[in-house]
Amino acid sequence: RRWESEGAKRLHIIDLDGAKAGKPVNQEIIVSMSQSVGLSVQVGGGIRDFETAKSYIENGVDRVIVGTAAVENPDLIYKTIEGFGDESILVSIDAKDGIVALDGWTNFSTINVTELLDNLVETGLKRFMYTDISRDGTLSEPNYGSIKTILGHSAMNMLAAGGISSISNLNRLKKIGVEGAIVGRAIYTGDIVLSEAFDTIN
């Protein structure tokens, strides 16, 4: 509600317990959160099958986020797009040194970011989120080099996450072609004042 009052239009929620468990752990409270605000809500963490995605969407979440399933069960993406449209799902690509992480960052795949993006093209996916794990939560700055490389490789829309600590970071991301950004720690610490960010960037 605080972020809504400061002008947010979308809330990004991750079930961290669910990401590690491979199934939703905090679904009840997440659904309650989504139903208590007038914001669009996107949710990730432990969404590994279509029934889980369907359950979230039918309970008011407008976009589900999948990470591990994009590598291990890409059929989930096809089914969700077929059932709810291409705005209903977002793939989260979390990587370190270019290699895609799985299971709430507890394991690593054998696939790199660009290979995964190539595999996802035929699903009809509209956008993906890229997180440089080494930057996440550090309040350093985004990995602009990797972001530019990935943007140059894929025509899909990108949301960037990891290391965002200032409005200048957000403006730079916008200039290099990122569709949007996920800001977490910086709005809790006050390094980014949400209302000021909207006024400055829009």
Protein backbone atom coordinates (compact mmCIF):
# COMPACT_ATOMS: atom_id res chain seq x y z
CA ARG A 1 0.00 0.00 0.00
CA ARG A 2 2.91 2.33 0.69
CA TRP A 3 4.32 1.80 -2.80
CA GLU A 4 0.86 2.25 -4.28
CA SER A 5 0.50 5.58 -2.44
CA GLU A 6 3.86 6.67 -3.89
CA GLY A 7 2.67 6.12 -7.45
CA ALA A 8 3.67 2.53 -8.22
CA LYS A 9 1.63 0.85 -10.94
CA ARG A 10 3.06 -2.65 -10.58
CA LEU A 11 4.22 -4.72 -7.62
CA HIS A 12 6.93 -7.36 -8.02
CA ILE A 13 6.74 -10.17 -5.45
CA ILE A 14 8.99 -13.21 -5.14
CA ASP A 15 8.29 -16.22 -2.95
CA LEU A 16 11.89 -16.90 -1.95
CA ASP A 17 10.93 -19.98 0.07
CA GLY A 18 8.99 -21.26 -2.93
CA ALA A 19 11.92 -20.71 -5.29
CA LYS A 20 14.08 -23.00 -3.15
CA ALA A 21 11.32 -25.54 -2.45
CA GLY A 22 10.21 -25.78 -6.07
CA LYS A 23 6.60 -25.07 -5.17
CA PRO A 24 4.67 -22.13 -3.65
CA VAL A 25 5.19 -21.70 0.07
CA ASN A 26 3.76 -18.21 0.60
CA GLN A 27 0.96 -18.26 -1.96
CA GLU A 28 -1.80 -17.43 0.50
CA ILE A 29 -0.18 -14.24 1.78
CA ILE A 30 0.90 -13.24 -1.75
CA VAL A 31 -2.64 -13.60 -3.07
CA SER A 32 -3.88 -11.59 -0.08
CA MET A 33 -1.34 -8.86 -0.85
CA SER A 34 -2.34 -8.72 -4.51
CA GLN A 35 -6.02 -8.47 -3.63
CA SER A 36 -5.45 -5.67 -1.11
CA VAL A 37 -4.08 -3.16 -3.62
CA GLY A 38 -5.20 -1.75 -6.95
CA LEU A 39 -1.83 -2.45 -8.56
CA SER A 40 -0.90 -4.90 -11.26
CA VAL A 41 1.01 -7.69 -9.52
CA GLN A 42 3.63 -10.04 -10.89
CA VAL A 43 4.70 -13.05 -8.83
CA GLY A 44 7.54 -15.54 -9.04
CA GLY A 45 9.14 -18.24 -6.93
CA GLY A 46 8.28 -21.92 -7.11
CA ILE A 47 6.06 -21.69 -10.20
CA ARG A 48 7.10 -24.87 -12.00
CA ASP A 49 3.85 -26.09 -13.60
CA PHE A 50 0.80 -24.73 -15.39
CA GLU A 51 -1.61 -25.47 -12.54
CA THR A 52 0.37 -23.21 -10.20
CA ALA A 53 0.52 -20.44 -12.79
CA LYS A 54 -3.21 -20.82 -13.45
CA SER A 55 -3.99 -20.70 -9.73
CA TYR A 56 -2.14 -17.42 -9.26
CA ILE A 57 -3.71 -15.77 -12.31
CA GLU A 58 -7.21 -16.90 -11.40
CA ASN A 59 -6.72 -15.38 -7.95
CA GLY A 60 -5.88 -11.90 -9.17
CA VAL A 61 -2.19 -11.96 -10.10
CA ASP A 62 -1.87 -10.62 -13.63
CA ARG A 63 1.61 -11.92 -14.47
CA VAL A 64 3.56 -14.96 -13.30
CA ILE A 65 7.33 -15.17 -13.35
CA VAL A 66 9.16 -18.40 -14.11
CA GLY A 67 12.87 -19.06 -13.92
CA THR A 68 13.82 -22.68 -13.36
CA ALA A 69 10.81 -23.85 -15.39
CA ALA A 70 12.05 -21.89 -18.41
CA VAL A 71 14.98 -24.31 -18.52
CA GLU A 72 13.33 -27.49 -17.24
CA ASN A 73 9.69 -27.17 -18.35
CA PRO A 74 9.32 -24.65 -21.20
CA ASP A 75 5.92 -26.16 -22.05
CA LEU A 76 4.63 -24.13 -19.09
CA ILE A 77 5.35 -20.95 -21.07
CA TYR A 78 3.43 -22.18 -24.11
CA LYS A 79 0.43 -23.20 -22.01
CA THR A 80 0.31 -19.96 -20.02
CA ILE A 81 0.51 -17.79 -23.15
CA GLU A 82 -2.12 -19.93 -24.85
CA GLY A 83 -4.43 -19.75 -21.85
CA PHE A 84 -3.94 -16.17 -20.67
CA GLY A 85 -2.06 -14.22 -23.36
CA ASP A 86 1.52 -13.04 -23.82
CA GLU A 87 1.29 -10.41 -21.06
CA SER A 88 0.59 -13.10 -18.46
CA ILE A 89 4.09 -14.52 -18.12
CA LEU A 90 7.63 -13.26 -17.69
CA VAL A 91 10.79 -15.36 -17.69
CA SER A 92 13.36 -14.45 -15.07
CA ILE A 93 16.91 -15.15 -16.21
CA ASP A 94 19.18 -15.03 -13.19
CA ALA A 95 22.83 -15.47 -14.06
CA LYS A 96 26.37 -15.29 -12.75
CA ASP A 97 29.28 -14.99 -15.18
CA GLY A 98 26.76 -15.59 -17.95
CA ILE A 99 25.51 -18.96 -16.65
CA VAL A 100 21.84 -19.34 -15.74
CA ALA A 101 21.05 -20.14 -12.10
CA LEU A 102 18.19 -22.39 -10.96
CA ASP A 103 16.24 -23.30 -7.82
CA GLY A 104 16.38 -19.93 -6.10
CA TRP A 105 20.04 -19.48 -7.06
CA THR A 106 21.06 -22.63 -5.20
CA ASN A 107 22.10 -24.50 -8.37
CA PHE A 108 23.46 -23.64 -11.80
CA SER A 109 22.44 -24.96 -15.19
CA THR A 110 24.80 -25.74 -18.05
CA ILE A 111 23.22 -23.12 -20.30
CA ASN A 112 24.20 -19.50 -20.80
CA VAL A 113 21.88 -16.51 -21.06
CA THR A 114 21.93 -16.10 -24.84
CA GLU A 115 21.35 -19.84 -25.43
CA LEU A 116 18.31 -19.74 -23.17
CA LEU A 117 16.95 -16.67 -24.95
CA ASP A 118 17.36 -18.44 -28.30
CA ASN A 119 15.41 -21.41 -26.95
CA LEU A 120 12.61 -19.15 -25.70
CA VAL A 121 11.96 -17.31 -28.97
CA GLU A 122 9.59 -19.93 -30.37
CA THR A 123 7.41 -19.92 -27.23
CA GLY A 124 5.98 -16.51 -28.13
CA LEU A 125 7.41 -14.96 -24.95
CA LYS A 126 7.13 -11.17 -24.98
CA ARG A 127 9.57 -10.17 -22.22
CA PHE A 128 12.19 -11.46 -19.83
CA MET A 129 13.85 -10.19 -16.70
CA TYR A 130 17.63 -10.29 -16.38
CA THR A 131 19.33 -10.32 -13.00
CA ASP A 132 23.08 -10.31 -12.54
CA ILE A 133 23.29 -12.28 -9.30
CA SER A 134 26.67 -10.80 -8.40
CA ARG A 135 25.09 -7.31 -8.34
CA ASP A 136 21.78 -8.12 -6.66
CA GLY A 137 21.32 -6.37 -3.31
CA THR A 138 24.70 -4.68 -3.52
CA LEU A 139 23.49 -1.15 -4.38
CA SER A 140 26.56 -0.90 -6.63
CA GLU A 141 25.16 -0.39 -10.12
CA PRO A 142 23.72 -2.61 -12.85
CA ASN A 143 26.03 -4.62 -15.08
CA TYR A 144 25.54 -2.34 -18.08
CA GLY A 145 27.97 -4.29 -20.26
CA SER A 146 26.09 -7.57 -19.94
CA ILE A 147 22.75 -5.81 -20.33
CA LYS A 148 23.84 -4.16 -23.59
CA THR A 149 25.15 -7.45 -24.94
CA ILE A 150 21.93 -9.28 -24.14
CA LEU A 151 19.76 -6.49 -25.55
CA GLY A 152 21.76 -6.71 -28.75
CA HIS A 153 21.14 -10.44 -28.94
CA SER A 154 17.38 -10.55 -28.37
CA ALA A 155 14.43 -8.59 -29.72
CA MET A 156 12.36 -9.38 -26.62
CA ASN A 157 11.65 -6.66 -24.06
CA MET A 158 13.95 -6.71 -21.04
CA LEU A 159 13.36 -5.81 -17.41
CA ALA A 160 16.66 -5.31 -15.57
CA ALA A 161 17.41 -6.12 -11.93
CA GLY A 162 20.42 -6.26 -9.69
CA GLY A 163 22.54 -3.45 -8.28
CA ILE A 164 20.14 -0.58 -9.04
CA SER A 165 20.87 2.13 -6.48
CA SER A 166 19.97 5.51 -7.94
CA ILE A 167 17.68 7.36 -10.31
CA SER A 168 20.69 7.92 -12.57
CA ASN A 169 21.00 4.13 -12.87
CA LEU A 170 17.37 3.99 -13.98
CA ASN A 171 17.84 6.75 -16.54
CA ARG A 172 20.90 5.01 -17.99
CA LEU A 173 19.01 1.73 -18.26
CA LYS A 174 16.21 3.49 -20.10
CA LYS A 175 18.67 5.10 -22.53
CA ILE A 176 20.24 1.77 -23.48
CA GLY A 177 16.84 0.28 -24.26
CA VAL A 178 15.64 -1.55 -21.16
CA GLU A 179 11.83 -1.61 -20.93
CA GLY A 180 11.70 -1.43 -17.13
CA ALA A 181 13.58 -2.11 -13.92
CA ILE A 182 13.01 -4.07 -10.74
CA VAL A 183 13.96 -1.97 -7.72
CA GLY A 184 14.04 -3.63 -4.34
CA ARG A 185 16.60 -2.80 -1.71
CA ALA A 186 17.13 0.79 -2.90
CA ILE A 187 13.54 1.82 -2.17
CA TYR A 188 13.69 0.30 1.31
CA THR A 189 16.97 2.07 2.14
CA GLY A 190 15.74 5.36 0.66
CA ASP A 191 18.50 5.54 -1.96
CA ILE A 192 15.64 5.79 -4.47
CA VAL A 193 12.47 7.66 -3.56
CA LEU A 194 9.82 6.04 -5.70
CA SER A 195 7.72 9.14 -6.30
CA GLU A 196 10.82 11.12 -7.33
CA ALA A 197 11.87 8.35 -9.69
CA PHE A 198 8.53 8.46 -11.50
CA ASP A 199 8.67 12.24 -11.75
CA THR A 200 12.23 12.19 -13.11
CA ILE A 201 12.00 9.30 -15.57
CA ASN A 202 8.50 9.59 -17.04
